[in-house]
Amino acid sequence: MHTDLCEVFGIDYPIFAFTPSEHVAAAVTRAGGLGVLGAVRFNDPAELDRALTWLDENTDGLPYGVDVVMPMTGPTEGSSVDLKSMIPPEHISFVERTLQQLGVPPLPDGEGREGVLGWLHSVARSHVDVALTHRPVLIANALGSPPADVIDQAHAAGVKVAALAGAAKHALTHVANGVDVIIAQGFEAGGHTGEIASMVLTPEIVDAVGPDVPVLGAGGIGSGRQIAASLALGAQGVWLGSLWLTTAEYAQLNSNRAMTEAFLRASSADTVRTRAYTGKPARLLRTRWTDAWDAQDAPAPLPMPLQNLLVAGAHDRMGAHTDPATIAMPVGQIVGRMNEVRPVADVMAQLISEFDAAAARLAAIAGA
């Protein structure tokens, strides 16, 4: 399993692992892939700096990446307007009423977040600034092309830029803007997704951008067979996110056994695409919380970043609760394969061995 991207990034396998956990990212990198740390959870740039320092010290000099969420500049950024004042009272009442109905208790005083995290343009810019004081080889943006000056900033530091695309026209825009790697994220993926499934999307984007622009397949990939399928569709590598949520290393970030249990028992049919998480369409595990937002009496989700500001405290409360049916967590349809907790190294080894078996099977068919 070796493509041109392996040479570009200095990795053994074209497996790119998006994860909010520096422990998972480091383990993937040490196993021959490229761990990519999601920065959106870091409100304080100093916290991201500490996490990247830890990555620097625990990846044996091997490469890693950083993923940011950089939307367009919000209408109130740089002004004195309080974002909280823009949240309608009926939305706040709905959230509190729903939590009470679900039996989710408040957090102890002083615990929980204020919300927003890295969903603001200005915060995402600070994440890029911090990242470039370390040694990432890739900066990825989950919400389209970064601004031209951010792309130039990364390129000046010798860092490649990737962007997610849910349609071929988006991929072409990214290329025109100077993005180096396109992540073709299909409908099946966790988090923000478009409307087109991976089997259709990946070859459409590969054909649109041409042979000189590498494409990573994403969405619905959790086995070596699926990696082989994505490469057969023209991708030069794969971008995996959900698969790492049930690894042993992820537990060092998330000790909530209820969340892990919810993933382990879910099928591929147990996800829903909703705007209730961030204000933009994202795939989450279906729970009583997501069902509440689909009810007839539920208010419409607010635009980004107001929706995240509204529900961040609720997410913290549900995260501290012990009921697997009342969590809010992005995850893709591949959750149906996430049936046990294993070390990252074991997951990587299985992906590689399954790919080898699939490639050998296809070679035999071609030879016949």
Protein backbone atom coordinates (compact mmCIF):
# COMPACT_ATOMS: atom_id res chain seq x y z
CA MET A 1 0.00 0.00 0.00
CA HIS A 2 2.26 2.74 -1.30
CA THR A 3 1.35 5.76 -3.42
CA ASP A 4 3.06 8.98 -4.46
CA LEU A 5 1.60 10.69 -1.38
CA CYS A 6 3.74 8.44 0.81
CA GLU A 7 6.83 10.00 -0.74
CA VAL A 8 5.42 13.52 -0.46
CA PHE A 9 4.75 13.21 3.27
CA GLY A 10 7.41 10.70 4.28
CA ILE A 11 5.02 7.99 5.46
CA ASP A 12 4.84 4.25 4.93
CA TYR A 13 1.10 3.98 4.24
CA PRO A 14 -1.31 6.54 2.71
CA ILE A 15 -3.58 6.42 5.76
CA PHE A 16 -4.41 9.87 7.14
CA ALA A 17 -6.07 9.76 10.56
CA PHE A 18 -8.14 12.72 11.68
CA THR A 19 -8.60 12.69 15.46
CA PRO A 20 -9.15 15.13 18.34
CA SER A 21 -6.64 13.09 20.37
CA GLU A 22 -2.91 13.74 20.22
CA HIS A 23 -2.40 10.22 21.60
CA VAL A 24 -4.23 8.66 18.64
CA ALA A 25 -2.46 10.95 16.16
CA ALA A 26 0.95 10.01 17.55
CA ALA A 27 0.14 6.28 17.51
CA VAL A 28 -1.00 6.40 13.86
CA THR A 29 2.15 8.29 12.88
CA ARG A 30 4.37 5.80 14.69
CA ALA A 31 2.54 2.96 12.90
CA GLY A 32 3.41 4.40 9.49
CA GLY A 33 0.41 6.61 8.68
CA LEU A 34 -0.12 10.34 9.16
CA GLY A 35 -1.86 11.35 12.37
CA VAL A 36 -3.78 14.63 12.01
CA LEU A 37 -4.75 16.41 15.22
CA GLY A 38 -8.12 18.18 15.18
CA ALA A 39 -7.67 21.63 16.70
CA VAL A 40 -11.31 22.66 17.01
CA ARG A 41 -11.57 21.60 20.66
CA PHE A 42 -8.85 24.01 21.76
CA ASN A 43 -10.27 27.33 22.94
CA ASP A 44 -6.93 28.48 24.28
CA PRO A 45 -4.03 28.56 21.78
CA ALA A 46 -1.72 27.68 24.67
CA GLU A 47 -3.55 24.35 25.07
CA LEU A 48 -2.99 23.55 21.40
CA ASP A 49 0.65 24.53 21.78
CA ARG A 50 1.03 22.05 24.65
CA ALA A 51 -0.66 19.28 22.65
CA LEU A 52 1.60 19.87 19.65
CA THR A 53 4.67 19.98 21.87
CA TRP A 54 3.60 16.57 23.17
CA LEU A 55 3.22 15.36 19.57
CA ASP A 56 6.67 16.67 18.72
CA GLU A 57 8.10 14.68 21.61
CA ASN A 58 6.16 11.45 21.00
CA THR A 59 6.33 10.85 17.24
CA ASP A 60 9.98 9.88 16.94
CA GLY A 61 10.61 12.71 14.49
CA LEU A 62 7.95 11.33 12.13
CA PRO A 63 5.41 13.59 10.38
CA TYR A 64 1.96 14.63 11.54
CA GLY A 65 -0.72 17.13 10.51
CA VAL A 66 -3.17 19.59 12.05
CA ASP A 67 -6.84 20.05 11.12
CA VAL A 68 -8.62 23.37 11.68
CA VAL A 69 -12.23 24.49 11.18
CA MET A 70 -11.99 27.86 9.45
CA PRO A 71 -15.38 29.22 8.34
CA MET A 72 -15.85 32.60 6.74
CA THR A 73 -15.40 35.55 9.05
CA GLY A 74 -18.46 35.89 11.30
CA PRO A 75 -20.49 39.12 11.13
CA THR A 76 -19.64 40.03 14.74
CA GLU A 77 -15.95 39.10 14.79
CA GLY A 78 -13.77 42.02 15.71
CA SER A 79 -16.73 43.89 17.19
CA SER A 80 -18.05 44.30 20.72
CA VAL A 81 -21.22 42.32 20.00
CA ASP A 82 -21.81 39.50 22.47
CA LEU A 83 -22.59 36.35 20.48
CA LYS A 84 -24.67 34.98 23.34
CA SER A 85 -27.06 37.89 22.98
CA MET A 86 -27.90 36.64 19.48
CA ILE A 87 -29.29 33.32 20.75
CA PRO A 88 -33.11 33.40 21.00
CA PRO A 89 -34.50 32.69 24.50
CA GLU A 90 -36.77 29.96 23.10
CA HIS A 91 -33.69 28.01 21.94
CA ILE A 92 -32.15 28.23 25.39
CA SER A 93 -35.40 27.07 26.98
CA PHE A 94 -35.69 24.17 24.54
CA VAL A 95 -32.19 22.92 25.35
CA GLU A 96 -32.73 23.08 29.10
CA ARG A 97 -36.17 21.47 28.85
CA THR A 98 -34.80 18.66 26.68
CA LEU A 99 -31.95 17.93 29.09
CA GLN A 100 -34.42 17.71 31.94
CA GLN A 101 -36.62 15.32 29.95
CA LEU A 102 -33.58 13.18 29.20
CA GLY A 103 -32.62 13.07 32.86
CA VAL A 104 -29.26 14.80 32.30
CA PRO A 105 -28.17 16.63 35.47
CA PRO A 106 -26.29 19.94 35.56
CA LEU A 107 -22.52 19.91 35.92
CA PRO A 108 -20.90 20.95 39.18
CA ASP A 109 -20.18 24.66 39.45
CA GLY A 110 -17.12 25.71 37.51
CA GLU A 111 -17.18 22.78 35.09
CA GLY A 112 -18.10 22.88 31.40
CA ARG A 113 -17.25 25.09 28.45
CA GLU A 114 -18.46 28.46 27.27
CA GLY A 115 -18.90 27.04 23.78
CA VAL A 116 -17.67 28.15 20.35
CA LEU A 117 -14.26 26.45 20.72
CA GLY A 118 -12.56 26.57 17.33
CA TRP A 119 -15.67 27.31 15.29
CA LEU A 120 -14.78 30.99 14.89
CA HIS A 121 -12.66 32.17 11.97
CA SER A 122 -10.38 34.16 14.26
CA VAL A 123 -9.78 31.21 16.57
CA ALA A 124 -8.98 28.94 13.62
CA ARG A 125 -6.42 31.48 12.43
CA SER A 126 -4.75 31.35 15.84
CA HIS A 127 -4.65 27.56 15.51
CA VAL A 128 -2.75 27.88 12.22
CA ASP A 129 -0.33 30.37 13.77
CA VAL A 130 0.39 28.00 16.67
CA ALA A 131 0.67 24.94 14.44
CA LEU A 132 3.30 26.57 12.25
CA THR A 133 5.56 27.11 15.26
CA HIS A 134 5.80 23.30 15.42
CA ARG A 135 6.55 20.79 12.65
CA PRO A 136 3.33 19.68 10.91
CA VAL A 137 3.63 18.63 7.29
CA LEU A 138 -0.07 19.26 6.57
CA ILE A 139 -2.71 21.84 7.52
CA ALA A 140 -6.24 20.70 6.65
CA ASN A 141 -9.39 22.82 6.72
CA ALA A 142 -12.69 21.08 7.33
CA LEU A 143 -14.77 23.94 5.88
CA GLY A 144 -13.43 24.53 2.40
CA SER A 145 -10.42 26.48 1.20
CA PRO A 146 -8.58 28.55 3.79
CA PRO A 147 -8.11 32.22 2.85
CA ALA A 148 -5.34 32.90 0.34
CA ASP A 149 -3.04 34.45 2.93
CA VAL A 150 -3.37 31.37 5.17
CA ILE A 151 -2.48 29.08 2.26
CA ASP A 152 0.50 31.32 1.47
CA GLN A 153 1.51 31.26 5.14
CA ALA A 154 1.50 27.46 5.18
CA HIS A 155 3.35 27.17 1.88
CA ALA A 156 6.00 29.63 3.05
CA ALA A 157 6.64 27.27 5.97
CA GLY A 158 6.91 24.28 3.61
CA VAL A 159 3.57 22.86 4.78
CA LYS A 160 1.00 21.34 2.40
CA VAL A 161 -2.65 22.42 2.60
CA ALA A 162 -5.67 20.11 2.33
CA ALA A 163 -9.37 20.90 2.19
CA LEU A 164 -12.50 18.79 2.37
CA ALA A 165 -14.87 18.73 -0.59
CA GLY A 166 -18.34 17.23 -0.91
CA ALA A 167 -18.71 17.94 -4.64
CA ALA A 168 -16.46 18.17 -7.67
CA LYS A 169 -17.15 21.90 -8.07
CA HIS A 170 -15.87 22.50 -4.55
CA ALA A 171 -12.72 20.54 -5.30
CA LEU A 172 -12.05 22.64 -8.41
CA THR A 173 -12.43 25.81 -6.33
CA HIS A 174 -9.93 24.47 -3.80
CA VAL A 175 -7.39 23.74 -6.53
CA ALA A 176 -7.85 27.20 -8.03
CA ASN A 177 -7.22 28.66 -4.56
CA GLY A 178 -3.91 26.81 -4.19
CA VAL A 179 -4.94 23.83 -2.07
CA ASP A 180 -2.52 20.91 -2.49
CA VAL A 181 -4.61 17.89 -1.43
CA ILE A 182 -8.35 17.33 -1.83
CA ILE A 183 -10.23 15.24 0.72
CA ALA A 184 -13.28 13.81 -1.04
CA GLN A 185 -15.63 13.36 1.91
CA GLY A 186 -18.72 11.36 1.10
CA PHE A 187 -22.19 11.42 2.60
CA GLU A 188 -21.38 8.42 4.84
CA ALA A 189 -18.73 10.28 6.83
CA GLY A 190 -19.00 11.60 10.36
CA GLY A 191 -19.01 15.33 10.95
CA HIS A 192 -19.73 17.82 8.17
CA THR A 193 -20.76 16.11 4.94
CA GLY A 194 -22.32 16.87 1.60
CA GLU A 195 -25.02 14.97 -0.25
CA ILE A 196 -22.98 12.59 -2.45
CA ALA A 197 -21.84 9.11 -1.40
CA SER A 198 -18.17 8.15 -1.58
CA MET A 199 -18.55 5.58 -4.38
CA VAL A 200 -19.80 8.36 -6.65
CA LEU A 201 -17.91 11.32 -5.19
CA THR A 202 -14.34 10.02 -5.21
CA PRO A 203 -14.05 9.28 -8.96
CA GLU A 204 -15.95 12.48 -9.79
CA ILE A 205 -13.40 14.55 -7.89
CA VAL A 206 -10.43 12.55 -9.17
CA ASP A 207 -11.57 13.12 -12.76
CA ALA A 208 -12.34 16.80 -12.14
CA VAL A 209 -9.00 17.80 -10.62
CA GLY A 210 -6.83 15.64 -12.88
CA PRO A 211 -3.82 13.43 -12.22
CA ASP A 212 -1.58 16.13 -10.75
CA VAL A 213 -3.77 16.84 -7.68
CA PRO A 214 -3.82 14.06 -5.07
CA VAL A 215 -7.19 13.06 -3.63
CA LEU A 216 -7.90 11.33 -0.34
CA GLY A 217 -11.05 9.22 -0.13
CA ALA A 218 -13.14 9.78 3.01
CA GLY A 219 -16.45 8.54 4.33
CA GLY A 220 -17.49 4.95 4.95
CA ILE A 221 -13.91 3.64 5.17
CA GLY A 222 -13.03 1.38 8.08
CA SER A 223 -11.38 -1.70 6.63
CA GLY A 224 -8.54 -2.61 4.30
CA ARG A 225 -11.06 -3.71 1.68
CA GLN A 226 -12.59 -0.24 1.71
CA ILE A 227 -9.15 1.36 1.43
CA ALA A 228 -8.50 -0.82 -1.62
CA ALA A 229 -11.84 0.27 -3.09
CA SER A 230 -11.03 3.95 -2.56
CA LEU A 231 -7.63 3.60 -4.20
CA ALA A 232 -9.25 1.69 -7.06
CA LEU A 233 -11.54 4.71 -7.56
CA GLY A 234 -8.48 6.88 -8.12
CA ALA A 235 -7.67 8.20 -4.65
CA GLN A 236 -4.00 8.30 -3.60
CA GLY A 237 -4.85 7.74 0.05
CA VAL A 238 -7.63 7.70 2.61
CA TRP A 239 -8.79 10.03 5.38
CA LEU A 240 -10.22 8.12 8.35
CA GLY A 241 -11.86 9.73 11.37
CA SER A 242 -14.61 7.73 13.05
CA LEU A 243 -12.60 4.50 13.23
CA TRP A 244 -10.27 5.88 15.91
CA LEU A 245 -13.07 6.72 18.39
CA THR A 246 -13.00 3.21 19.86
CA THR A 247 -9.24 2.87 20.13
CA ALA A 248 -7.55 2.46 23.49
CA GLU A 249 -5.56 5.66 22.95
CA TYR A 250 -8.72 7.71 22.43
CA ALA A 251 -9.78 6.79 25.98
CA GLN A 252 -6.93 9.00 27.21
CA LEU A 253 -8.89 11.97 25.89
CA ASN A 254 -12.39 10.67 26.50
CA SER A 255 -12.93 8.56 29.61
CA ASN A 256 -16.72 8.46 29.14
CA ARG A 257 -17.56 4.78 29.03
CA ALA A 258 -21.16 5.59 28.02
CA MET A 259 -19.95 7.18 24.78
CA THR A 260 -17.71 4.21 24.00
CA GLU A 261 -20.57 1.83 24.76
CA ALA A 262 -22.86 3.75 22.42
CA PHE A 263 -20.35 3.36 19.58
CA LEU A 264 -19.74 -0.33 20.27
CA ARG A 265 -23.41 -1.26 20.13
CA ALA A 266 -24.43 0.96 17.18
CA SER A 267 -25.11 -0.34 13.69
CA SER A 268 -24.40 1.44 10.43
CA ALA A 269 -28.06 2.56 10.43
CA ASP A 270 -27.75 4.35 13.77
CA THR A 271 -26.54 7.75 12.56
CA VAL A 272 -28.36 10.87 11.46
CA ARG A 273 -27.35 13.94 9.45
CA THR A 274 -28.40 17.07 11.33
CA ARG A 275 -27.58 20.74 11.84
CA ALA A 276 -28.11 20.41 15.60
CA TYR A 277 -24.39 20.01 16.37
CA THR A 278 -22.78 23.04 14.70
CA GLY A 279 -25.41 24.72 12.55
CA LYS A 280 -24.11 23.03 9.39
CA PRO A 281 -25.13 19.52 8.24
CA ALA A 282 -23.10 16.95 10.15
CA ARG A 283 -23.51 13.22 10.76
CA LEU A 284 -23.93 12.21 14.41
CA LEU A 285 -24.78 9.08 16.30
CA ARG A 286 -28.57 8.96 16.56
CA THR A 287 -29.65 9.30 20.18
CA ARG A 288 -32.55 10.68 22.18
CA TRP A 289 -30.82 14.08 21.91
CA THR A 290 -30.83 14.11 18.10
CA ASP A 291 -34.39 12.77 18.09
CA ALA A 292 -35.43 15.74 20.23
CA TRP A 293 -34.09 18.15 17.61
CA ASP A 294 -36.11 16.32 14.93
CA ALA A 295 -39.38 16.63 16.87
CA GLN A 296 -42.12 18.89 15.50
CA ASP A 297 -41.92 21.29 18.44
CA ALA A 298 -38.13 21.72 18.18
CA PRO A 299 -36.75 25.05 16.99
CA ALA A 300 -34.66 25.20 13.83
CA PRO A 301 -30.91 24.95 14.57
CA LEU A 302 -29.08 28.26 14.54
CA PRO A 303 -26.33 29.11 12.03
CA MET A 304 -22.69 28.48 12.86
CA PRO A 305 -21.23 29.44 15.34
CA LEU A 306 -24.38 30.23 17.36
CA GLN A 307 -25.62 26.63 17.40
CA ASN A 308 -22.38 25.37 18.91
CA LEU A 309 -22.46 28.16 21.46
CA LEU A 310 -26.03 27.16 22.33
CA VAL A 311 -25.38 23.44 22.78
CA ALA A 312 -21.77 23.23 24.00
CA GLY A 313 -22.82 23.20 27.64
CA ALA A 314 -25.43 20.54 26.90
CA HIS A 315 -22.79 18.42 25.19
CA ASP A 316 -20.61 18.66 28.31
CA ARG A 317 -23.50 17.64 30.55
CA MET A 318 -24.37 14.66 28.36
CA GLY A 319 -20.70 13.72 28.14
CA ALA A 320 -20.47 13.56 31.92
CA HIS A 321 -23.69 11.52 32.13
CA THR A 322 -23.71 7.71 32.12
CA ASP A 323 -26.50 7.06 29.61
CA PRO A 324 -25.34 5.95 26.11
CA ALA A 325 -28.70 7.11 24.73
CA THR A 326 -28.07 10.76 25.59
CA ILE A 327 -24.77 11.70 23.96
CA ALA A 328 -23.95 14.04 21.09
CA MET A 329 -21.00 12.89 19.03
CA PRO A 330 -20.15 13.02 15.32
CA VAL A 331 -19.54 9.58 13.84
CA GLY A 332 -19.87 8.08 10.38
CA GLN A 333 -21.85 5.11 9.17
CA ILE A 334 -18.73 3.00 9.63
CA VAL A 335 -19.68 2.92 13.32
CA GLY A 336 -21.29 -0.46 12.57
CA ARG A 337 -17.77 -1.93 12.28
CA MET A 338 -16.47 -0.34 15.48
CA ASN A 339 -17.27 -3.30 17.72
CA GLU A 340 -14.32 -3.49 20.12
CA VAL A 341 -11.73 -1.31 21.83
CA ARG A 342 -8.25 -1.93 20.41
CA PRO A 343 -4.88 -0.18 20.34
CA VAL A 344 -4.19 1.98 17.30
CA ALA A 345 -1.30 -0.27 16.28
CA ASP A 346 -3.67 -3.25 16.06
CA VAL A 347 -6.17 -1.27 13.98
CA MET A 348 -3.43 -0.17 11.59
CA ALA A 349 -2.06 -3.71 11.28
CA GLN A 350 -5.52 -5.05 10.43
CA LEU A 351 -6.13 -2.31 7.83
CA ILE A 352 -2.86 -3.20 6.12
CA SER A 353 -3.40 -6.96 6.18
CA GLU A 354 -6.97 -6.60 4.88
CA PHE A 355 -5.73 -4.32 2.10
CA ASP A 356 -3.08 -6.86 1.12
CA ALA A 357 -5.70 -9.62 0.99
CA ALA A 358 -8.05 -7.49 -1.10
CA ALA A 359 -5.27 -6.48 -3.49
CA ALA A 360 -4.22 -10.11 -3.90
CA ARG A 361 -7.82 -11.14 -4.60
CA LEU A 362 -8.16 -8.42 -7.26
CA ALA A 363 -4.81 -9.39 -8.80
CA ALA A 364 -6.01 -12.98 -9.06
CA ILE A 365 -9.21 -11.85 -10.73
CA ALA A 366 -7.29 -9.65 -13.15
CA GLY A 367 -4.87 -12.48 -13.92
CA ALA A 368 -7.71 -14.87 -14.57
